[in-house]
Protein backbone atom coordinates (compact mmCIF):
# COMPACT_ATOMS: atom_id res chain seq x y z
CA MET A 1 90.78 10.07 -19.13
CA LYS A 2 89.41 9.97 -15.41
CA ASN A 3 85.92 11.64 -16.42
CA LEU A 4 85.76 9.22 -19.39
CA ILE A 5 86.20 6.25 -17.05
CA LEU A 6 83.76 7.69 -14.64
CA THR A 7 81.21 8.27 -17.40
CA PHE A 8 81.48 4.55 -18.68
CA ALA A 9 81.25 3.33 -15.00
CA LEU A 10 78.02 5.24 -14.40
CA LEU A 11 76.49 4.08 -17.53
CA GLY A 12 77.39 0.56 -16.70
CA THR A 13 75.66 0.99 -13.31
CA PHE A 14 72.43 2.21 -14.81
CA GLN A 15 72.49 -0.30 -17.56
CA LEU A 16 72.85 -3.04 -14.75
CA LEU A 17 70.31 -1.43 -12.64
CA ALA A 18 67.57 -1.21 -15.68
CA GLN A 19 68.11 -5.03 -15.96
CA ASP A 20 66.56 -5.50 -12.53
CA GLU A 21 63.58 -3.02 -13.06
CA PRO A 22 60.14 -3.22 -14.81
CA THR A 23 60.48 -2.05 -18.22
CA ASP A 24 56.95 -0.53 -18.83
CA PHE A 25 57.39 2.89 -17.20
CA LEU A 26 56.60 6.00 -19.12
CA SER A 27 59.31 6.83 -21.59
CA ALA A 28 61.76 9.77 -21.25
CA GLU A 29 60.38 10.90 -24.44
CA PHE A 30 56.80 11.26 -22.87
CA HIS A 31 58.00 13.08 -19.89
CA LYS A 32 59.98 15.65 -22.21
CA GLY A 33 56.93 15.86 -24.37
CA ARG A 34 54.83 17.06 -21.07
CA ARG A 35 57.48 19.53 -20.14
CA GLU A 36 57.28 21.05 -23.72
CA ALA A 37 53.45 20.90 -23.84
CA LEU A 38 53.63 22.87 -20.27
CA ARG A 39 56.32 25.20 -21.64
CA ALA A 40 54.15 26.43 -24.62
CA SER A 41 51.10 27.29 -22.29
CA MET A 42 53.34 29.33 -20.05
CA PRO A 43 53.42 33.22 -20.65
CA LYS A 44 56.43 35.02 -22.32
CA ASN A 45 59.25 35.68 -19.96
CA SER A 46 58.06 33.43 -17.30
CA VAL A 47 59.58 30.62 -15.36
CA ALA A 48 57.93 27.69 -13.49
CA VAL A 49 59.69 25.86 -10.42
CA PHE A 50 58.53 22.58 -9.21
CA PHE A 51 59.77 20.51 -6.19
CA ALA A 52 59.91 16.78 -5.48
CA ASN A 53 57.87 15.51 -2.37
CA PRO A 54 59.32 15.51 0.87
CA VAL A 55 60.08 12.31 2.69
CA ARG A 56 57.17 11.88 5.34
CA ASN A 57 58.14 10.45 8.80
CA ARG A 58 56.34 7.68 9.96
CA ALA A 59 57.97 7.18 13.54
CA ASN A 60 61.35 7.90 14.97
CA ASP A 61 63.78 6.79 12.45
CA VAL A 62 61.27 5.12 10.30
CA ASP A 63 59.78 6.96 7.13
CA TYR A 64 56.72 6.23 5.13
CA LEU A 65 57.37 4.71 1.69
CA TYR A 66 58.33 7.46 -0.57
CA HIS A 67 55.95 8.48 -3.29
CA GLN A 68 56.90 11.35 -5.86
CA ASP A 69 54.63 14.44 -6.34
CA PRO A 70 52.53 13.62 -9.24
CA ASN A 71 53.25 16.77 -11.20
CA PHE A 72 56.95 16.34 -10.53
CA TYR A 73 56.62 12.68 -11.89
CA TYR A 74 54.54 13.68 -14.84
CA LEU A 75 57.07 16.19 -16.19
CA THR A 76 60.23 14.21 -15.24
CA GLY A 77 59.92 10.63 -14.37
CA TYR A 78 62.13 11.11 -11.24
CA LYS A 79 61.12 9.14 -8.37
CA GLU A 80 63.63 10.41 -5.71
CA PRO A 81 63.11 13.20 -3.09
CA ASN A 82 65.28 16.49 -2.66
CA ALA A 83 65.26 17.27 -6.16
CA MET A 84 63.90 20.52 -8.31
CA LEU A 85 62.87 21.26 -11.85
CA VAL A 86 63.25 24.67 -13.33
CA LEU A 87 61.24 25.25 -16.57
CA PHE A 88 61.54 28.59 -18.60
CA ALA A 89 59.10 29.74 -21.22
CA ASP A 90 62.01 31.18 -23.40
CA PRO A 91 65.41 29.74 -24.12
CA GLN A 92 68.23 30.91 -21.77
CA THR A 93 71.84 31.55 -22.42
CA GLY A 94 74.42 30.12 -20.21
CA ALA A 95 77.84 31.36 -19.37
CA ASP A 96 79.34 29.09 -22.04
CA GLY A 97 76.87 30.69 -24.73
CA LYS A 98 74.89 27.66 -25.10
CA THR A 99 70.90 28.07 -24.74
CA TYR A 100 68.49 25.97 -22.62
CA THR A 101 65.05 25.87 -21.51
CA GLU A 102 65.24 23.56 -18.34
CA LEU A 103 67.42 22.92 -15.37
CA PHE A 104 67.14 19.91 -13.14
CA TYR A 105 68.90 19.59 -9.71
CA ALA A 106 69.05 16.06 -8.60
CA GLN A 107 70.01 14.77 -5.13
CA SER A 108 73.77 13.54 -4.88
CA ARG A 109 75.29 10.18 -5.20
CA ASP A 110 76.08 9.09 -1.84
CA ALA A 111 77.80 5.70 -1.48
CA ARG A 112 77.08 5.23 2.35
CA ARG A 113 73.38 6.26 1.86
CA GLU A 114 73.05 4.08 -1.15
CA ARG A 115 74.17 1.07 1.08
CA TRP A 116 71.29 1.71 3.26
CA ASP A 117 68.41 3.18 0.84
CA GLY A 118 69.38 1.89 -2.52
CA LYS A 119 70.71 3.50 -5.48
CA ARG A 120 70.31 7.17 -6.61
CA LEU A 121 70.48 8.70 -9.98
CA GLY A 122 72.43 11.63 -9.61
CA PRO A 123 72.93 14.37 -12.21
CA GLU A 124 74.73 11.92 -14.59
CA GLY A 125 71.89 9.49 -14.25
CA VAL A 126 69.15 11.86 -15.02
CA LYS A 127 71.04 12.70 -18.12
CA ALA A 128 71.40 9.02 -19.11
CA LYS A 129 67.94 7.76 -17.97
CA LEU A 130 65.66 10.57 -18.03
CA GLY A 131 67.29 12.56 -20.88
CA ILE A 132 67.43 15.83 -19.20
CA GLU A 133 70.85 17.14 -20.39
CA GLN A 134 71.00 20.23 -18.01
CA ALA A 135 71.02 18.08 -14.88
CA TYR A 136 73.21 19.32 -11.87
CA ASP A 137 73.69 18.23 -8.23
CA HIS A 138 71.15 19.73 -6.03
CA HIS A 139 73.86 21.45 -4.05
CA GLU A 140 74.41 23.62 -6.98
CA PHE A 141 71.30 25.51 -6.93
CA LYS A 142 72.44 27.52 -3.92
CA ASN A 143 74.84 29.20 -6.25
CA SER A 144 72.78 29.32 -9.39
CA THR A 145 72.70 32.48 -10.86
CA VAL A 146 69.11 32.36 -12.26
CA GLU A 147 67.62 35.87 -11.75
CA PHE A 148 64.15 34.86 -10.68
CA LYS A 149 63.16 38.65 -10.15
CA LYS A 150 63.68 39.46 -13.66
CA PHE A 151 60.89 37.39 -15.04
CA ASP A 152 57.37 38.77 -15.53
CA LYS A 153 55.97 35.97 -14.00
CA VAL A 154 57.26 32.97 -11.63
CA LEU A 155 54.97 30.29 -11.67
CA PHE A 156 55.02 27.85 -8.47
CA PHE A 157 52.83 25.65 -6.15
CA ASP A 158 52.26 26.23 -2.34
CA PHE A 159 55.21 24.86 -0.45
CA LYS A 160 54.81 21.80 1.82
CA ASN A 161 54.97 22.37 5.44
CA ASP A 162 55.46 18.93 6.57
CA ALA A 163 59.16 18.28 5.42
CA ARG A 164 61.80 17.67 7.93
CA ASP A 165 65.11 19.67 7.88
CA THR A 166 68.04 17.08 7.71
CA PRO A 167 71.93 17.56 7.88
CA ASP A 168 71.78 17.88 3.99
CA ASP A 169 72.23 21.24 3.28
CA ALA A 170 70.41 20.90 -0.10
CA ASP A 171 67.42 18.86 1.10
CA ILE A 172 63.91 19.78 0.12
CA VAL A 173 63.71 22.42 3.02
CA ASP A 174 66.84 24.06 1.94
CA LEU A 175 65.90 24.06 -1.78
CA THR A 176 62.67 25.52 -1.16
CA GLN A 177 64.16 28.26 1.11
CA GLN A 178 66.78 29.21 -1.40
CA PHE A 179 64.23 29.62 -4.08
CA ARG A 180 62.11 31.72 -1.65
CA GLU A 181 65.24 33.98 -1.22
CA LYS A 182 66.06 34.21 -4.86
CA ALA A 183 62.40 34.97 -5.97
CA GLY A 184 61.90 37.41 -3.29
CA ILE A 185 59.17 35.61 -1.67
CA PRO A 186 58.32 37.00 1.85
CA ALA A 187 59.36 35.20 5.16
CA ASN A 188 55.75 35.17 6.11
CA PHE A 189 54.34 33.90 2.95
CA ASN A 190 51.24 31.66 3.57
CA GLY A 191 49.79 29.90 0.44
CA ALA A 192 46.25 29.37 1.72
CA ARG A 193 46.03 33.17 2.94
CA GLU A 194 47.44 34.38 -0.66
CA THR A 195 44.72 32.15 -2.32
CA LEU A 196 42.06 33.70 -0.15
CA TYR A 197 43.28 37.15 -0.78
CA SER A 198 43.37 36.73 -4.55
CA GLN A 199 39.54 35.48 -4.41
CA LEU A 200 38.73 38.61 -2.43
CA ARG A 201 40.59 40.88 -4.95
CA GLY A 202 38.18 39.45 -7.50
CA ALA A 203 35.29 41.28 -6.01
CA THR A 204 33.73 44.38 -7.13
CA GLU A 205 31.49 47.05 -5.24
CA GLU A 206 28.19 45.10 -6.72
CA ASN A 207 29.16 41.58 -5.95
CA PHE A 208 31.26 41.92 -2.77
CA LYS A 209 28.46 40.43 -0.34
CA GLN A 210 28.25 37.39 -2.86
CA VAL A 211 32.05 36.75 -2.75
CA ALA A 212 32.17 37.04 1.18
CA GLU A 213 29.63 34.24 1.27
CA THR A 214 31.40 32.08 -1.17
CA VAL A 215 34.79 32.69 0.55
CA PHE A 216 33.64 32.26 4.00
CA ALA A 217 31.75 28.98 3.02
CA ARG A 218 34.96 27.69 1.67
CA TYR A 219 37.37 28.89 4.47
CA GLY A 220 34.94 28.99 7.53
CA ARG A 221 36.26 25.85 9.07
CA ASN A 222 39.96 26.91 8.81
CA PRO A 223 40.59 28.88 12.26
CA ALA A 224 43.51 30.72 10.60
CA MET A 225 41.43 31.95 7.61
CA ARG A 226 38.27 32.53 9.32
CA ASN A 227 40.18 34.63 12.03
CA ASP A 228 42.26 36.66 9.41
CA GLU A 229 41.66 40.44 10.01
CA HIS A 230 41.25 41.23 6.19
CA LEU A 231 38.67 38.48 5.79
CA GLN A 232 36.77 39.54 8.77
CA ALA A 233 36.91 43.10 7.68
CA PHE A 234 35.64 42.19 4.14
CA ILE A 235 32.82 40.37 5.66
CA LYS A 236 31.79 42.98 7.93
CA ALA A 237 32.03 45.87 5.16
CA LYS A 238 28.85 48.03 5.24
CA ASP A 239 28.83 48.79 1.62
CA GLY A 240 31.01 48.13 -1.75
CA LYS A 241 33.14 51.05 -1.03
CA GLU A 242 34.28 49.77 2.22
CA ALA A 243 34.87 46.40 0.75
CA MET A 244 37.06 47.75 -1.76
CA LYS A 245 39.18 49.93 0.99
CA VAL A 246 39.72 46.45 2.69
CA ILE A 247 41.06 45.02 -0.54
CA LYS A 248 43.19 47.75 -1.26
CA ASN A 249 44.93 47.55 2.24
CA MET A 250 45.46 43.75 2.03
CA PRO A 251 49.37 42.75 1.90
CA GLN A 252 50.11 41.93 -1.48
CA LEU A 253 53.05 39.75 -3.05
CA PRO A 254 55.38 41.08 -5.66
CA SER A 255 53.44 41.05 -8.72
CA ASN A 256 55.37 38.82 -10.76
CA LEU A 257 54.74 35.85 -8.08
CA ASP A 258 51.97 33.56 -9.36
CA MET A 259 50.92 30.56 -7.28
CA SER A 260 47.42 30.05 -8.99
CA SER A 261 48.49 29.42 -12.70
CA LEU A 262 50.14 26.14 -12.69
CA SER A 263 47.27 23.96 -11.34
CA PRO A 264 44.91 24.63 -14.19
CA LYS A 265 47.76 24.45 -16.84
CA LEU A 266 48.85 21.07 -15.65
CA GLY A 267 44.89 19.89 -14.92
CA LYS A 268 44.32 20.74 -18.78
CA LEU A 269 47.30 18.46 -19.68
CA ARG A 270 46.89 15.82 -17.23
CA MET A 271 43.18 15.30 -17.79
CA VAL A 272 43.58 13.72 -21.06
CA LYS A 273 45.11 10.66 -21.11
CA SER A 274 47.66 9.61 -24.04
CA PRO A 275 47.92 5.99 -25.42
CA GLU A 276 50.91 5.50 -23.22
CA GLU A 277 49.05 6.56 -20.06
CA MET A 278 45.96 4.74 -20.89
CA LYS A 279 48.03 1.17 -21.26
CA LEU A 280 49.16 1.78 -17.61
CA LEU A 281 45.73 3.05 -16.02
CA ARG A 282 44.00 0.09 -17.99
CA LYS A 283 46.50 -2.28 -16.19
CA ALA A 284 45.85 -0.55 -12.72
CA VAL A 285 41.92 -0.85 -13.37
CA GLU A 286 42.29 -4.64 -14.77
CA VAL A 287 44.41 -5.45 -11.72
CA SER A 288 41.81 -4.00 -9.29
CA CYS A 289 39.11 -5.85 -10.97
CA VAL A 290 40.92 -9.33 -10.47
CA GLY A 291 41.28 -8.40 -6.87
CA GLN A 292 37.39 -7.80 -6.56
CA ALA A 293 36.67 -11.10 -8.46
CA GLU A 294 39.15 -13.11 -6.22
CA VAL A 295 37.89 -11.60 -2.88
CA MET A 296 34.49 -12.61 -4.03
CA LYS A 297 35.36 -16.27 -4.45
CA ALA A 298 37.19 -16.31 -1.32
CA MET A 299 35.02 -14.32 1.12
CA ASN A 300 33.01 -16.36 3.85
CA PRO A 301 31.17 -14.83 7.02
CA ALA A 302 34.10 -15.60 9.40
CA MET A 303 36.60 -13.41 7.59
CA SER A 304 37.83 -10.10 9.12
CA GLU A 305 37.94 -6.92 7.06
CA MET A 306 41.59 -6.76 7.30
CA GLU A 307 42.04 -10.34 5.76
CA ILE A 308 39.83 -9.28 2.84
CA ARG A 309 42.07 -6.14 2.56
CA GLY A 310 44.97 -8.23 2.38
CA ILE A 311 43.74 -10.33 -0.34
CA HIS A 312 42.99 -7.38 -2.60
CA GLU A 313 46.59 -6.17 -1.76
CA TYR A 314 48.26 -9.48 -2.72
CA VAL A 315 46.58 -9.50 -6.01
CA PHE A 316 47.75 -5.89 -6.52
CA ARG A 317 51.52 -6.99 -5.80
CA ARG A 318 51.25 -10.25 -7.88
CA TYR A 319 50.74 -8.11 -10.72
CA GLY A 320 53.52 -5.71 -10.08
CA SER A 321 51.25 -2.92 -8.64
CA GLU A 322 53.83 -0.70 -6.34
CA TYR A 323 51.15 0.80 -4.16
CA GLU A 324 47.54 1.11 -3.48
CA GLY A 325 46.22 4.23 -5.02
CA TYR A 326 44.74 5.41 -1.87
CA PRO A 327 44.18 3.69 1.64
CA SER A 328 42.00 0.69 1.26
CA ILE A 329 38.47 0.91 2.42
CA VAL A 330 36.87 -2.59 3.53
CA GLY A 331 33.74 -1.76 5.50
CA SER A 332 31.27 -4.35 6.53
CA GLY A 333 27.63 -3.66 8.18
CA HIS A 334 27.76 -0.07 9.79
CA ASN A 335 31.30 0.34 8.93
CA ALA A 336 30.26 0.69 5.21
CA CYS A 337 28.24 3.71 6.16
CA VAL A 338 31.37 5.78 7.09
CA LEU A 339 32.51 7.16 3.52
CA HIS A 340 36.33 7.00 4.08
CA TYR A 341 36.43 4.14 6.60
CA VAL A 342 39.87 2.96 6.46
CA GLU A 343 40.39 1.04 9.99
CA ASN A 344 39.43 -2.21 8.55
CA ASN A 345 39.43 -3.81 11.80
CA ARG A 346 36.06 -5.52 12.30
CA PRO A 347 37.01 -9.32 13.04
CA ARG A 348 34.04 -10.91 11.72
CA MET A 349 31.67 -9.79 8.91
CA GLY A 350 28.85 -12.42 9.26
CA SER A 351 25.94 -12.04 6.77
CA ASP A 352 26.19 -8.40 6.53
CA LEU A 353 27.26 -6.39 3.30
CA VAL A 354 30.74 -5.58 2.70
CA LEU A 355 31.78 -2.34 0.83
CA MET A 356 35.41 -2.66 -0.83
CA ASP A 357 36.68 0.37 -2.37
CA LEU A 358 40.12 -0.52 -3.40
CA GLY A 359 42.42 0.72 -6.35
CA ALA A 360 45.86 -0.57 -7.43
CA GLU A 361 48.46 2.02 -8.38
CA TYR A 362 50.51 0.76 -11.40
CA ARG A 363 53.47 2.73 -12.51
CA GLY A 364 52.13 5.91 -10.92
CA TYR A 365 48.55 5.56 -12.40
CA THR A 366 45.52 4.33 -9.95
CA ALA A 367 42.32 2.90 -10.44
CA ASP A 368 39.35 3.47 -8.04
CA ILE A 369 36.65 0.74 -7.92
CA THR A 370 34.09 -0.12 -5.52
CA ARG A 371 31.93 -3.08 -5.16
CA THR A 372 29.53 -4.01 -2.31
CA VAL A 373 28.88 -7.83 -1.79
CA PRO A 374 27.14 -9.96 1.00
CA ALA A 375 29.79 -11.73 3.26
CA ASP A 376 27.62 -15.12 3.04
CA GLY A 377 27.24 -14.84 -0.76
CA THR A 378 23.46 -14.05 -0.84
CA PHE A 379 21.81 -10.83 -0.89
CA SER A 380 18.95 -10.39 1.65
CA PRO A 381 15.66 -8.69 0.37
CA GLU A 382 16.73 -5.52 2.05
CA GLN A 383 20.34 -5.70 0.88
CA LYS A 384 19.11 -6.31 -2.70
CA ALA A 385 16.66 -3.32 -2.67
CA ILE A 386 19.12 -0.87 -2.06
CA TYR A 387 21.76 -2.47 -4.14
CA GLU A 388 19.40 -2.44 -7.24
CA ILE A 389 18.59 1.05 -6.40
CA VAL A 390 22.28 2.24 -6.52
CA LEU A 391 22.86 0.00 -9.64
CA GLU A 392 19.87 1.66 -11.43
CA ALA A 393 21.24 5.12 -10.75
CA GLN A 394 24.72 4.29 -11.86
CA GLU A 395 23.22 2.80 -15.31
CA ALA A 396 21.26 5.89 -15.81
CA ALA A 397 24.54 8.14 -15.35
CA PHE A 398 26.44 5.89 -17.52
CA LYS A 399 24.11 7.19 -20.50
CA ALA A 400 25.12 10.74 -19.90
CA CYS A 401 28.84 10.12 -20.20
CA LYS A 402 29.98 11.50 -23.25
CA PRO A 403 32.04 14.54 -24.59
CA GLY A 404 30.44 17.88 -23.74
CA THR A 405 28.63 16.59 -20.55
CA PRO A 406 29.32 18.51 -17.34
CA MET A 407 30.85 16.40 -14.77
CA ARG A 408 28.26 17.51 -12.14
CA GLU A 409 25.38 15.82 -14.37
CA THR A 410 26.16 12.38 -13.21
CA THR A 411 25.41 13.30 -9.62
CA ARG A 412 22.10 15.10 -10.74
CA ILE A 413 20.78 11.90 -12.45
CA CYS A 414 21.87 9.63 -9.70
CA ARG A 415 20.23 11.85 -7.07
CA GLU A 416 17.05 11.65 -8.98
CA VAL A 417 16.90 8.07 -9.38
CA VAL A 418 17.78 7.46 -5.60
CA ASP A 419 15.38 10.02 -4.38
CA LYS A 420 12.49 8.49 -6.47
CA ARG A 421 13.25 4.84 -5.43
CA LEU A 422 13.77 5.44 -1.71
CA VAL A 423 10.06 6.85 -1.74
CA GLU A 424 8.83 4.00 -3.47
CA ILE A 425 10.24 1.57 -0.99
CA GLY A 426 9.21 3.58 1.92
CA LEU A 427 12.68 4.55 3.42
CA VAL A 428 11.77 8.39 2.95
CA LYS A 429 8.77 10.49 2.08
CA ALA A 430 7.93 12.26 -1.08
CA GLY A 431 10.00 15.62 -1.01
CA GLU A 432 11.60 14.61 2.33
CA GLN A 433 15.20 15.84 2.73
CA HIS A 434 17.77 12.86 3.65
CA GLU A 435 21.51 12.17 4.10
CA TYR A 436 21.54 8.66 2.57
CA PHE A 437 23.36 9.90 -0.55
CA PRO A 438 25.95 12.50 0.77
CA HIS A 439 28.65 12.72 -1.88
CA GLY A 440 29.30 13.70 -5.54
CA VAL A 441 29.42 10.91 -8.22
CA SER A 442 32.26 11.55 -10.53
CA HIS A 443 35.86 12.49 -10.47
CA HIS A 444 38.97 12.23 -12.91
CA ILE A 445 41.39 9.39 -12.15
CA GLY A 446 44.98 9.13 -13.25
CA LEU A 447 48.25 10.03 -11.45
CA ASP A 448 45.93 11.02 -8.46
CA VAL A 449 42.95 9.26 -7.52
CA HIS A 450 41.12 12.68 -7.68
CA ASP A 451 43.22 13.72 -10.59
CA LEU A 452 43.72 17.14 -11.96
CA SER A 453 41.40 18.78 -14.60
CA ASP A 454 40.57 22.13 -16.21
CA GLY A 455 37.29 21.87 -14.39
CA GLY A 456 35.31 21.60 -17.77
CA PRO A 457 33.02 19.24 -19.16
CA MET A 458 33.81 15.70 -20.17
CA ALA A 459 36.21 15.34 -23.22
CA GLU A 460 37.38 12.44 -25.37
CA GLY A 461 40.33 10.95 -23.65
CA VAL A 462 39.61 11.47 -20.01
CA VAL A 463 39.03 8.90 -17.42
CA ILE A 464 36.39 9.39 -14.69
CA THR A 465 34.47 7.36 -12.11
CA VAL A 466 30.71 6.91 -11.63
CA GLU A 467 30.10 6.07 -7.79
CA PRO A 468 26.62 6.46 -6.44
CA GLY A 469 25.99 5.11 -3.16
CA VAL A 470 23.14 4.83 -0.33
CA TYR A 471 24.43 4.50 3.36
CA ILE A 472 21.91 3.77 6.08
CA PRO A 473 23.59 4.18 9.46
CA PRO A 474 22.41 2.72 12.61
CA ASN A 475 19.83 5.06 14.39
CA SER A 476 18.57 6.68 11.18
CA PRO A 477 15.09 7.90 11.01
CA CYS A 478 13.72 5.03 9.15
CA ASP A 479 12.70 1.32 9.89
CA PRO A 480 15.40 -0.59 11.41
CA LYS A 481 15.41 -3.18 8.92
CA TRP A 482 17.39 -0.89 6.76
CA TRP A 483 19.94 0.17 9.38
CA GLY A 484 23.53 -0.94 8.81
CA ILE A 485 23.27 -1.21 4.96
CA GLY A 486 25.82 0.68 2.88
CA VAL A 487 26.05 0.32 -0.92
CA ARG A 488 28.59 2.05 -3.19
CA ILE A 489 29.14 1.04 -6.79
CA GLU A 490 31.96 2.66 -8.51
CA ASP A 491 33.44 1.97 -12.09
CA ASP A 492 36.15 3.64 -14.18
CA LEU A 493 35.30 5.00 -17.58
CA LEU A 494 37.16 6.43 -20.54
CA ILE A 495 35.28 8.94 -22.33
CA THR A 496 35.34 8.45 -26.08
CA LYS A 497 34.37 10.17 -29.46
CA ASP A 498 30.89 9.27 -29.01
CA GLY A 499 30.50 8.03 -25.51
CA TYR A 500 32.35 5.95 -23.06
CA GLU A 501 34.17 2.58 -22.63
CA LEU A 502 33.53 0.66 -19.24
CA LEU A 503 37.16 -0.17 -18.32
CA SER A 504 36.26 -1.95 -15.03
CA LYS A 505 33.72 -4.47 -16.71
CA TYR A 506 35.76 -7.37 -15.40
CA ALA A 507 34.51 -7.02 -11.93
CA PRO A 508 30.98 -8.37 -11.36
CA ARG A 509 28.27 -5.56 -10.94
CA THR A 510 24.77 -6.97 -10.78
CA VAL A 511 23.30 -9.06 -8.23
CA ALA A 512 23.19 -12.21 -10.23
CA GLU A 513 26.90 -11.69 -11.35
CA ILE A 514 28.01 -11.22 -7.60
CA GLU A 515 26.29 -14.13 -6.22
CA LYS A 516 27.51 -16.46 -9.41
CA MET A 517 31.16 -15.24 -8.63
CA MET A 518 30.74 -15.79 -4.81
CA ALA A 519 29.65 -19.45 -5.56
CA LEU A 520 32.82 -20.32 -7.32
CA PRO A 521 35.85 -22.04 -5.90
CA SER A 522 38.77 -20.00 -4.73
CA PRO A 523 42.45 -20.96 -4.53
CA LEU A 524 42.34 -19.91 -0.79
CA ASP A 525 39.54 -22.45 0.10
CA GLY A 526 40.85 -24.62 2.98
CA TYR A 527 44.03 -22.59 3.49
CA ALA A 528 44.51 -22.27 7.01
CA LEU A 529 47.46 -20.84 9.32
CA PRO A 530 48.57 -22.02 12.74
CA ASN A 531 46.52 -20.88 15.60
CA LEU A 532 48.72 -18.62 17.52
CA ASP A 533 46.32 -18.16 20.53
CA LYS A 534 46.72 -21.46 21.94
CA LYS A 535 48.10 -21.34 25.33
């Protein structure tokens, strides 16, 4: 009777909480379907293990706002820390004779902590709300009888090294350590090093020099990898036989431990968005577009970068967006030439261009949109010239966006247009190498702003960005009239059966559209706060 009363009490608690939460999260059925799809791709007699993101500390006793690991969220819908998911390729039989294909370990209910930090689901909540029947308290994993060493493959991601150990003996630090011991993962395991070694093991006597160049180019900036004795020996090998000897002498993990297979498997799943996902992703894009439009109307030369950022993020929150998908970028003048400028602390923008790269995250899915506008509402001749080059490049790349096109093709097309037009306006000489367009153009978006994919060509149902840019920092080797101009235009596209759909069309893109929007009145016109600097 007591258990029955407790069950009803818990169900009542979750029903009450559900009344105070948004109702448009992904469904439990969606997450279950993703687990089943991943299981179907796993090899026979294999197991996959996932951990929730750790809590990150901001300073002293203040932590950053918690954000779940996107893969963990994709598979479960769980939004709390200190949890783990175990998926089995084949049905397992429990001590009670019942079969199961998954185990979930949720952080404990704790009345004292919940008084401070909010309600926790606990195992019963995971069952009731997320539909995962084999849910247990995370303290139970320590005594789990799962024999990881018996599986032909144990699939896992590299471990996070920025988690704080807490007094709870089943926090994420303890869960990962317990798993490592159960799976036979060596104490000195280093994920980056294992990735490096796996790439070296793919070399042959014939191509070892090419592999050495490729691997060193990738890891040469990492002191720990650059100074690795086996990498150094491989690079210095005199011939293929010596390189093969180096490979043979490299330490090797137990053969059933697999740290490389999960990412491409999940990338293949996550890159193609379902209708349920697209509903949320469209909302994130639309919210971000409204933010761009409202800021254009509100902007004036006396505003600060931080103020502009604040208007964007207010619009995000007004529509129920929980987070920004990435740190907001508002760079005016020369700050726009810093690709990932996030300080946003220039106090006044004057007549400079303002590059605004911001994306709302809505129910886990993030947009990624950039607009560049003149702070005073009108493009100067030089600003307009650079802007229209970038816009032309983007429009040319749009035409290639369809199933079967390699992602890199958008970058090639944009570079071709930019290089040609920069010569025409005299900013560079024909054939001259320059650094005014230093980045690629397209990437997937979804649960991550640089979302997982299988690395293949564009396909129906994927959502990508197209974001060419031209950046001319002060003291560049060109006429000073161009200095301090930075332009990026970034839009989000859904690849369709025959082409693409421009999801971010609501945010003005052309010079005429931007200047027209900036001439409109804003609800913030005349809004003033008290002057706090009066003495």
